Amino acid sequence: MVGKHSLMDRIDGKILHALQRDCRHSIAELAEEVGLSPSACHRRVKLLEERGVIAGYAARLNRGELGYTMEFFVEISLASQAEEALRAFEDAVLKVPEILECHLMSGNADYLVRIAATGPDAYERIHRERLGRLPGVARIQSSLVLRSIQPWAGYPVPVR
């Protein structure tokens, strides 16, 4: 089975791949797809959950259907990289619902955030009222997503 950073066997890999594609599979459907009995499949899924390989289940929503017609990747640089400044920024980011993701980065910017907006006016408001008011911000560089070529669909699963 799976250890902290060990490779999974082929069956675990098939289970994880199938669940990333569609986590609504019943255990019976999943078992049939990966070639196990339902009880063996259920045991493996539970072990993958217990070991933290499966961190949770979620629905992927269509941002366009929700009215989010624009998506931005925003690089944010802080005036200071002191621990207190990073902590204050990160605590504030967690309170901004428009920030979908936030990553501490190496390179030119300190953080990369992803934001969805309903249009240019909405993004301008988010930029001015939310991003510009985050503590310690020295520079904001926004990039508009024109088209997603390879949207996120899950991690590749290493198997032995």
N, C-alpha and C. Protein backbone atom coordinates (compact mmCIF):
# COMPACT_ATOMS: atom_id res chain seq x y z
N MET A 1 0.84 -1.19 0.00
CA MET A 1 0.00 0.00 0.00
C MET A 1 0.88 1.24 0.00
N VAL A 2 0.41 2.33 0.54
CA VAL A 2 1.06 3.63 0.39
C VAL A 2 1.72 4.07 1.68
N GLY A 3 2.96 4.56 1.59
CA GLY A 3 3.65 5.16 2.73
C GLY A 3 3.68 6.67 2.53
N LYS A 4 4.41 7.37 3.42
CA LYS A 4 4.40 8.84 3.39
C LYS A 4 4.78 9.39 2.02
N HIS A 5 5.78 8.96 1.38
CA HIS A 5 6.12 9.47 0.05
C HIS A 5 6.42 8.31 -0.90
N SER A 6 5.92 7.16 -0.58
CA SER A 6 6.22 6.00 -1.40
C SER A 6 5.34 5.97 -2.65
N LEU A 7 5.78 5.19 -3.60
CA LEU A 7 5.00 5.01 -4.82
C LEU A 7 3.85 4.07 -4.52
N MET A 8 2.75 4.29 -5.20
CA MET A 8 1.60 3.43 -5.07
C MET A 8 1.71 2.26 -6.03
N ASP A 9 0.98 1.20 -5.73
CA ASP A 9 0.94 0.13 -6.72
C ASP A 9 -0.04 0.53 -7.82
N ARG A 10 -0.10 -0.28 -8.85
CA ARG A 10 -0.89 0.03 -10.04
C ARG A 10 -2.38 0.21 -9.71
N ILE A 11 -2.90 -0.61 -8.80
CA ILE A 11 -4.32 -0.54 -8.43
C ILE A 11 -4.61 0.77 -7.70
N ASP A 12 -3.77 1.14 -6.73
CA ASP A 12 -3.95 2.42 -6.04
C ASP A 12 -3.92 3.56 -7.05
N GLY A 13 -2.99 3.48 -7.99
CA GLY A 13 -2.88 4.51 -9.03
C GLY A 13 -4.16 4.60 -9.84
N LYS A 14 -4.73 3.46 -10.20
CA LYS A 14 -5.99 3.46 -10.96
C LYS A 14 -7.13 4.06 -10.15
N ILE A 15 -7.17 3.73 -8.86
CA ILE A 15 -8.21 4.27 -7.98
C ILE A 15 -8.10 5.79 -7.92
N LEU A 16 -6.89 6.27 -7.65
CA LEU A 16 -6.69 7.72 -7.53
C LEU A 16 -6.98 8.44 -8.84
N HIS A 17 -6.55 7.87 -9.94
CA HIS A 17 -6.82 8.48 -11.25
C HIS A 17 -8.33 8.56 -11.49
N ALA A 18 -9.04 7.48 -11.21
CA ALA A 18 -10.49 7.46 -11.43
C ALA A 18 -11.20 8.46 -10.52
N LEU A 19 -10.77 8.56 -9.27
CA LEU A 19 -11.42 9.49 -8.34
C LEU A 19 -11.13 10.95 -8.71
N GLN A 20 -9.92 11.23 -9.21
CA GLN A 20 -9.64 12.60 -9.65
C GLN A 20 -10.48 12.98 -10.86
N ARG A 21 -10.73 12.01 -11.72
CA ARG A 21 -11.56 12.26 -12.91
C ARG A 21 -13.02 12.47 -12.52
N ASP A 22 -13.52 11.65 -11.58
CA ASP A 22 -14.91 11.76 -11.14
C ASP A 22 -15.05 11.12 -9.77
N CYS A 23 -15.13 11.93 -8.73
CA CYS A 23 -15.20 11.38 -7.37
C CYS A 23 -16.61 10.93 -6.99
N ARG A 24 -17.53 11.00 -7.93
CA ARG A 24 -18.89 10.56 -7.64
C ARG A 24 -19.11 9.08 -7.92
N HIS A 25 -18.06 8.38 -8.36
CA HIS A 25 -18.18 6.93 -8.57
C HIS A 25 -18.68 6.26 -7.29
N SER A 26 -19.59 5.32 -7.44
CA SER A 26 -19.92 4.47 -6.30
C SER A 26 -18.75 3.50 -6.12
N ILE A 27 -18.65 2.91 -4.95
CA ILE A 27 -17.58 1.92 -4.73
C ILE A 27 -17.71 0.78 -5.73
N ALA A 28 -18.92 0.36 -6.03
CA ALA A 28 -19.13 -0.74 -6.98
C ALA A 28 -18.61 -0.35 -8.37
N GLU A 29 -18.91 0.88 -8.81
CA GLU A 29 -18.43 1.35 -10.12
C GLU A 29 -16.91 1.48 -10.13
N LEU A 30 -16.37 2.02 -9.06
CA LEU A 30 -14.93 2.19 -8.95
C LEU A 30 -14.24 0.83 -8.94
N ALA A 31 -14.77 -0.11 -8.19
CA ALA A 31 -14.21 -1.46 -8.11
C ALA A 31 -14.18 -2.13 -9.48
N GLU A 32 -15.27 -1.99 -10.21
CA GLU A 32 -15.33 -2.59 -11.56
C GLU A 32 -14.28 -1.95 -12.47
N GLU A 33 -14.15 -0.63 -12.39
CA GLU A 33 -13.20 0.08 -13.25
C GLU A 33 -11.75 -0.34 -12.98
N VAL A 34 -11.42 -0.59 -11.70
CA VAL A 34 -10.03 -0.90 -11.36
C VAL A 34 -9.76 -2.39 -11.21
N GLY A 35 -10.80 -3.21 -11.34
CA GLY A 35 -10.61 -4.66 -11.31
C GLY A 35 -10.49 -5.26 -9.92
N LEU A 36 -11.27 -4.75 -8.98
CA LEU A 36 -11.29 -5.29 -7.62
C LEU A 36 -12.72 -5.64 -7.22
N SER A 37 -12.85 -6.38 -6.14
CA SER A 37 -14.17 -6.57 -5.55
C SER A 37 -14.54 -5.27 -4.85
N PRO A 38 -15.84 -5.02 -4.66
CA PRO A 38 -16.23 -3.79 -3.96
C PRO A 38 -15.63 -3.67 -2.55
N SER A 39 -15.56 -4.80 -1.82
CA SER A 39 -15.01 -4.72 -0.45
C SER A 39 -13.50 -4.41 -0.48
N ALA A 40 -12.76 -5.00 -1.38
CA ALA A 40 -11.32 -4.72 -1.49
C ALA A 40 -11.09 -3.28 -1.93
N CYS A 41 -11.90 -2.80 -2.84
CA CYS A 41 -11.79 -1.42 -3.32
C CYS A 41 -12.10 -0.45 -2.18
N HIS A 42 -13.14 -0.74 -1.42
CA HIS A 42 -13.52 0.12 -0.29
C HIS A 42 -12.39 0.19 0.73
N ARG A 43 -11.77 -0.97 1.04
CA ARG A 43 -10.65 -1.00 1.99
C ARG A 43 -9.50 -0.12 1.49
N ARG A 44 -9.17 -0.23 0.21
CA ARG A 44 -8.06 0.57 -0.35
C ARG A 44 -8.38 2.06 -0.31
N VAL A 45 -9.60 2.44 -0.66
CA VAL A 45 -9.99 3.85 -0.62
C VAL A 45 -9.89 4.37 0.81
N LYS A 46 -10.38 3.60 1.78
CA LYS A 46 -10.32 4.02 3.19
C LYS A 46 -8.87 4.18 3.64
N LEU A 47 -7.98 3.26 3.25
CA LEU A 47 -6.56 3.38 3.60
C LEU A 47 -5.93 4.61 2.97
N LEU A 48 -6.27 4.88 1.72
CA LEU A 48 -5.75 6.09 1.04
C LEU A 48 -6.25 7.35 1.75
N GLU A 49 -7.48 7.33 2.23
CA GLU A 49 -8.02 8.48 2.98
C GLU A 49 -7.30 8.62 4.33
N GLU A 50 -7.16 7.51 5.05
CA GLU A 50 -6.53 7.53 6.38
C GLU A 50 -5.08 8.01 6.31
N ARG A 51 -4.38 7.64 5.27
CA ARG A 51 -2.98 8.04 5.12
C ARG A 51 -2.82 9.44 4.54
N GLY A 52 -3.93 10.08 4.21
CA GLY A 52 -3.87 11.45 3.73
C GLY A 52 -3.57 11.60 2.25
N VAL A 53 -3.48 10.50 1.52
CA VAL A 53 -3.27 10.59 0.07
C VAL A 53 -4.51 11.20 -0.57
N ILE A 54 -5.69 10.76 -0.13
CA ILE A 54 -6.94 11.40 -0.53
C ILE A 54 -7.26 12.41 0.57
N ALA A 55 -7.15 13.69 0.23
CA ALA A 55 -7.32 14.75 1.23
C ALA A 55 -8.78 15.18 1.38
N GLY A 56 -9.63 14.83 0.44
CA GLY A 56 -11.03 15.22 0.50
C GLY A 56 -11.66 15.07 -0.87
N TYR A 57 -12.92 15.41 -0.95
CA TYR A 57 -13.67 15.31 -2.19
C TYR A 57 -14.36 16.64 -2.45
N ALA A 58 -14.42 17.04 -3.71
CA ALA A 58 -15.05 18.33 -4.04
C ALA A 58 -15.59 18.30 -5.46
N ALA A 59 -16.52 19.20 -5.72
CA ALA A 59 -17.04 19.37 -7.08
C ALA A 59 -16.25 20.48 -7.76
N ARG A 60 -15.91 20.28 -9.02
CA ARG A 60 -15.27 21.34 -9.81
C ARG A 60 -16.37 22.14 -10.48
N LEU A 61 -16.46 23.40 -10.16
CA LEU A 61 -17.52 24.24 -10.69
C LEU A 61 -17.07 24.94 -11.96
N ASN A 62 -18.02 25.25 -12.83
CA ASN A 62 -17.75 25.95 -14.08
C ASN A 62 -17.82 27.45 -13.78
N ARG A 63 -16.66 28.11 -13.81
CA ARG A 63 -16.64 29.53 -13.42
C ARG A 63 -17.49 30.38 -14.34
N GLY A 64 -17.53 30.07 -15.63
CA GLY A 64 -18.35 30.83 -16.57
C GLY A 64 -19.83 30.75 -16.25
N GLU A 65 -20.30 29.58 -15.85
CA GLU A 65 -21.70 29.41 -15.49
C GLU A 65 -22.05 30.16 -14.20
N LEU A 66 -21.05 30.46 -13.40
CA LEU A 66 -21.26 31.22 -12.16
C LEU A 66 -21.10 32.72 -12.39
N GLY A 67 -20.78 33.11 -13.64
CA GLY A 67 -20.65 34.52 -13.97
C GLY A 67 -19.23 35.06 -13.90
N TYR A 68 -18.25 34.21 -13.58
CA TYR A 68 -16.86 34.65 -13.51
C TYR A 68 -16.24 34.54 -14.91
N THR A 69 -16.29 35.62 -15.64
CA THR A 69 -15.84 35.62 -17.03
C THR A 69 -14.36 35.91 -17.18
N MET A 70 -13.71 36.34 -16.10
CA MET A 70 -12.30 36.68 -16.15
C MET A 70 -11.56 35.99 -15.01
N GLU A 71 -10.33 35.58 -15.32
CA GLU A 71 -9.48 34.99 -14.29
C GLU A 71 -8.10 35.64 -14.40
N PHE A 72 -7.51 35.93 -13.25
CA PHE A 72 -6.23 36.62 -13.20
C PHE A 72 -5.26 35.86 -12.32
N PHE A 73 -4.00 35.88 -12.73
CA PHE A 73 -2.90 35.49 -11.86
C PHE A 73 -2.22 36.78 -11.47
N VAL A 74 -2.04 36.98 -10.18
CA VAL A 74 -1.52 38.25 -9.68
C VAL A 74 -0.27 37.99 -8.86
N GLU A 75 0.83 38.64 -9.25
CA GLU A 75 2.06 38.57 -8.48
C GLU A 75 2.07 39.73 -7.50
N ILE A 76 2.33 39.42 -6.24
CA ILE A 76 2.36 40.44 -5.21
C ILE A 76 3.71 40.40 -4.51
N SER A 77 4.34 41.57 -4.44
CA SER A 77 5.61 41.71 -3.72
C SER A 77 5.34 42.55 -2.46
N LEU A 78 5.97 42.15 -1.39
CA LEU A 78 5.81 42.87 -0.13
C LEU A 78 7.00 43.81 0.08
N ALA A 79 6.79 44.82 0.90
CA ALA A 79 7.85 45.77 1.23
C ALA A 79 8.89 45.11 2.13
N SER A 80 8.49 44.11 2.90
CA SER A 80 9.40 43.41 3.80
C SER A 80 9.10 41.92 3.75
N GLN A 81 10.15 41.11 3.88
CA GLN A 81 9.96 39.67 3.95
C GLN A 81 10.18 39.15 5.37
N ALA A 82 10.10 40.05 6.35
CA ALA A 82 10.21 39.64 7.75
C ALA A 82 9.04 38.71 8.09
N GLU A 83 9.28 37.81 9.00
CA GLU A 83 8.27 36.82 9.38
C GLU A 83 6.94 37.47 9.75
N GLU A 84 6.99 38.58 10.49
CA GLU A 84 5.75 39.26 10.91
C GLU A 84 4.99 39.80 9.70
N ALA A 85 5.71 40.32 8.71
CA ALA A 85 5.08 40.86 7.50
C ALA A 85 4.42 39.75 6.70
N LEU A 86 5.11 38.62 6.56
CA LEU A 86 4.54 37.48 5.82
C LEU A 86 3.30 36.97 6.54
N ARG A 87 3.38 36.83 7.85
CA ARG A 87 2.24 36.33 8.62
C ARG A 87 1.04 37.27 8.51
N ALA A 88 1.28 38.58 8.61
CA ALA A 88 0.18 39.55 8.52
C ALA A 88 -0.48 39.48 7.14
N PHE A 89 0.34 39.39 6.10
CA PHE A 89 -0.19 39.29 4.74
C PHE A 89 -1.02 38.02 4.59
N GLU A 90 -0.46 36.89 5.00
CA GLU A 90 -1.15 35.60 4.85
C GLU A 90 -2.44 35.54 5.65
N ASP A 91 -2.44 36.08 6.86
CA ASP A 91 -3.66 36.12 7.66
C ASP A 91 -4.74 36.95 6.96
N ALA A 92 -4.34 38.07 6.37
CA ALA A 92 -5.30 38.94 5.67
C ALA A 92 -5.83 38.28 4.40
N VAL A 93 -4.97 37.57 3.67
CA VAL A 93 -5.39 36.88 2.44
C VAL A 93 -6.51 35.88 2.73
N LEU A 94 -6.40 35.20 3.86
CA LEU A 94 -7.41 34.19 4.21
C LEU A 94 -8.80 34.79 4.41
N LYS A 95 -8.87 36.10 4.57
CA LYS A 95 -10.15 36.78 4.79
C LYS A 95 -10.72 37.39 3.51
N VAL A 96 -10.04 37.18 2.37
CA VAL A 96 -10.48 37.78 1.10
C VAL A 96 -11.11 36.67 0.25
N PRO A 97 -12.44 36.64 0.16
CA PRO A 97 -13.09 35.54 -0.56
C PRO A 97 -12.77 35.52 -2.06
N GLU A 98 -12.41 36.64 -2.64
CA GLU A 98 -12.11 36.69 -4.08
C GLU A 98 -10.79 36.01 -4.42
N ILE A 99 -9.94 35.78 -3.43
CA ILE A 99 -8.66 35.09 -3.68
C ILE A 99 -8.92 33.60 -3.63
N LEU A 100 -8.80 32.96 -4.78
CA LEU A 100 -9.07 31.53 -4.90
C LEU A 100 -7.90 30.70 -4.41
N GLU A 101 -6.68 31.17 -4.70
CA GLU A 101 -5.45 30.48 -4.30
C GLU A 101 -4.41 31.53 -3.96
N CYS A 102 -3.51 31.17 -3.07
CA CYS A 102 -2.38 32.04 -2.74
C CYS A 102 -1.18 31.16 -2.45
N HIS A 103 -0.06 31.47 -3.09
CA HIS A 103 1.15 30.67 -2.95
C HIS A 103 2.34 31.57 -2.65
N LEU A 104 3.12 31.23 -1.62
CA LEU A 104 4.39 31.89 -1.37
C LEU A 104 5.37 31.38 -2.41
N MET A 105 6.05 32.29 -3.09
CA MET A 105 6.87 31.92 -4.25
C MET A 105 8.34 32.28 -4.04
N SER A 106 9.19 31.63 -4.83
CA SER A 106 10.56 32.11 -4.99
C SER A 106 10.54 32.92 -6.28
N GLY A 107 11.56 33.71 -6.51
CA GLY A 107 11.60 34.50 -7.74
C GLY A 107 11.33 35.96 -7.50
N ASN A 108 10.79 36.64 -8.51
CA ASN A 108 10.62 38.09 -8.45
C ASN A 108 9.54 38.54 -7.48
N ALA A 109 8.45 37.83 -7.41
CA ALA A 109 7.33 38.22 -6.53
C ALA A 109 7.32 37.31 -5.31
N ASP A 110 6.76 37.82 -4.23
CA ASP A 110 6.67 37.02 -3.00
C ASP A 110 5.49 36.04 -3.05
N TYR A 111 4.38 36.48 -3.64
CA TYR A 111 3.18 35.64 -3.67
C TYR A 111 2.59 35.63 -5.07
N LEU A 112 1.94 34.52 -5.40
CA LEU A 112 1.14 34.41 -6.61
C LEU A 112 -0.27 34.06 -6.15
N VAL A 113 -1.23 34.90 -6.56
CA VAL A 113 -2.62 34.63 -6.21
C VAL A 113 -3.44 34.47 -7.48
N ARG A 114 -4.51 33.71 -7.36
CA ARG A 114 -5.44 33.51 -8.48
C ARG A 114 -6.78 34.08 -8.06
N ILE A 115 -7.35 34.84 -8.97
CA ILE A 115 -8.61 35.53 -8.70
C ILE A 115 -9.54 35.36 -9.88
N ALA A 116 -10.81 35.10 -9.61
CA ALA A 116 -11.84 35.09 -10.65
C ALA A 116 -12.70 36.33 -10.44
N ALA A 117 -13.08 36.97 -11.56
CA ALA A 117 -13.90 38.18 -11.48
C ALA A 117 -15.02 38.10 -12.51
N THR A 118 -16.10 38.81 -12.24
CA THR A 118 -17.25 38.81 -13.15
C THR A 118 -17.07 39.76 -14.32
N GLY A 119 -16.01 40.54 -14.33
CA GLY A 119 -15.73 41.46 -15.43
C GLY A 119 -14.67 42.46 -15.05
N PRO A 120 -14.31 43.35 -15.98
CA PRO A 120 -13.24 44.32 -15.71
C PRO A 120 -13.54 45.24 -14.53
N ASP A 121 -14.78 45.70 -14.40
CA ASP A 121 -15.12 46.57 -13.28
C ASP A 121 -14.97 45.84 -11.95
N ALA A 122 -15.38 44.59 -11.92
CA ALA A 122 -15.27 43.80 -10.69
C ALA A 122 -13.80 43.58 -10.34
N TYR A 123 -12.97 43.29 -11.34
CA TYR A 123 -11.55 43.09 -11.04
C TYR A 123 -10.91 44.39 -10.56
N GLU A 124 -11.27 45.49 -11.18
CA GLU A 124 -10.71 46.78 -10.76
C GLU A 124 -11.08 47.06 -9.31
N ARG A 125 -12.30 46.74 -8.91
CA ARG A 125 -12.74 46.90 -7.52
C ARG A 125 -11.95 45.99 -6.59
N ILE A 126 -11.76 44.72 -6.98
CA ILE A 126 -10.98 43.77 -6.17
C ILE A 126 -9.55 44.28 -6.02
N HIS A 127 -8.98 44.75 -7.13
CA HIS A 127 -7.60 45.25 -7.11
C HIS A 127 -7.47 46.43 -6.15
N ARG A 128 -8.38 47.37 -6.25
CA ARG A 128 -8.31 48.60 -5.45
C ARG A 128 -8.70 48.35 -3.99
N GLU A 129 -9.83 47.65 -3.77
CA GLU A 129 -10.39 47.53 -2.42
C GLU A 129 -9.87 46.33 -1.63
N ARG A 130 -9.37 45.33 -2.32
CA ARG A 130 -8.92 44.12 -1.61
C ARG A 130 -7.40 43.97 -1.68
N LEU A 131 -6.87 43.80 -2.91
CA LEU A 131 -5.43 43.55 -3.05
C LEU A 131 -4.60 44.72 -2.58
N GLY A 132 -4.97 45.92 -2.98
CA GLY A 132 -4.21 47.12 -2.62
C GLY A 132 -4.23 47.42 -1.14
N ARG A 133 -5.17 46.85 -0.42
CA ARG A 133 -5.28 47.10 1.02
C ARG A 133 -4.68 45.99 1.88
N LEU A 134 -4.13 44.96 1.23
CA LEU A 134 -3.48 43.90 2.01
C LEU A 134 -2.24 44.48 2.68
N PRO A 135 -1.92 44.04 3.89
CA PRO A 135 -0.79 44.63 4.61
C PRO A 135 0.55 44.36 3.93
N GLY A 136 1.37 45.41 3.85
CA GLY A 136 2.74 45.28 3.37
C GLY A 136 2.93 45.22 1.88
N VAL A 137 1.87 45.39 1.09
CA VAL A 137 1.99 45.26 -0.36
C VAL A 137 2.81 46.42 -0.93
N ALA A 138 3.84 46.08 -1.70
CA ALA A 138 4.67 47.09 -2.35
C ALA A 138 4.42 47.14 -3.85
N ARG A 139 4.07 45.98 -4.45
CA ARG A 139 3.89 45.91 -5.89
C ARG A 139 2.86 44.84 -6.24
N ILE A 140 2.01 45.15 -7.22
CA ILE A 140 1.01 44.21 -7.72
C ILE A 140 1.14 44.16 -9.24
N GLN A 141 1.30 42.95 -9.77
CA GLN A 141 1.39 42.76 -11.22
C GLN A 141 0.34 41.72 -11.62
N SER A 142 -0.65 42.15 -12.41
CA SER A 142 -1.75 41.27 -12.79
C SER A 142 -1.60 40.77 -14.21
N SER A 143 -1.95 39.50 -14.41
CA SER A 143 -1.98 38.91 -15.75
C SER A 143 -3.34 38.27 -15.97
N LEU A 144 -4.00 38.67 -17.06
CA LEU A 144 -5.32 38.14 -17.40
C LEU A 144 -5.16 36.82 -18.14
N VAL A 145 -5.91 35.81 -17.73
CA VAL A 145 -5.94 34.53 -18.44
C VAL A 145 -6.78 34.73 -19.70
N LEU A 146 -6.18 34.53 -20.86
CA LEU A 146 -6.92 34.66 -22.11
C LEU A 146 -7.71 33.39 -22.42
N ARG A 147 -7.06 32.25 -22.20
CA ARG A 147 -7.70 30.95 -22.46
C ARG A 147 -6.92 29.89 -21.71
N SER A 148 -7.61 28.94 -21.12
CA SER A 148 -6.95 27.83 -20.42
C SER A 148 -6.73 26.69 -21.41
N ILE A 149 -5.48 26.34 -21.61
CA ILE A 149 -5.14 25.25 -22.52
C ILE A 149 -5.21 23.91 -21.80
N GLN A 150 -4.67 23.86 -20.59
CA GLN A 150 -4.65 22.64 -19.79
C GLN A 150 -5.13 22.99 -18.39
N PRO A 151 -6.44 23.02 -18.17
CA PRO A 151 -6.92 23.35 -16.82
C PRO A 151 -6.56 22.24 -15.83
N TRP A 152 -6.52 22.61 -14.58
CA TRP A 152 -6.18 21.66 -13.52
C TRP A 152 -7.13 20.47 -13.55
N ALA A 153 -6.57 19.27 -13.59
CA ALA A 153 -7.39 18.07 -13.58
C ALA A 153 -6.89 17.05 -12.57
N GLY A 154 -5.88 17.40 -11.80
CA GLY A 154 -5.37 16.49 -10.78
C GLY A 154 -3.90 16.22 -10.96
N TYR A 155 -3.32 15.59 -9.95
CA TYR A 155 -1.90 15.26 -9.97
C TYR A 155 -1.66 13.98 -10.77
N PRO A 156 -0.50 13.88 -11.42
CA PRO A 156 -0.13 12.57 -11.97
C PRO A 156 0.17 11.65 -10.78
N VAL A 157 -0.22 10.40 -10.88
CA VAL A 157 -0.06 9.47 -9.77
C VAL A 157 1.16 8.59 -10.04
N PRO A 158 2.21 8.70 -9.18
CA PRO A 158 3.39 7.84 -9.38
C PRO A 158 3.08 6.42 -8.94
N VAL A 159 3.34 5.46 -9.79
CA VAL A 159 3.11 4.06 -9.45
C VAL A 159 4.39 3.27 -9.67
N ARG A 160 4.51 2.18 -8.90
CA ARG A 160 5.69 1.33 -9.10
C ARG A 160 5.38 0.22 -10.05
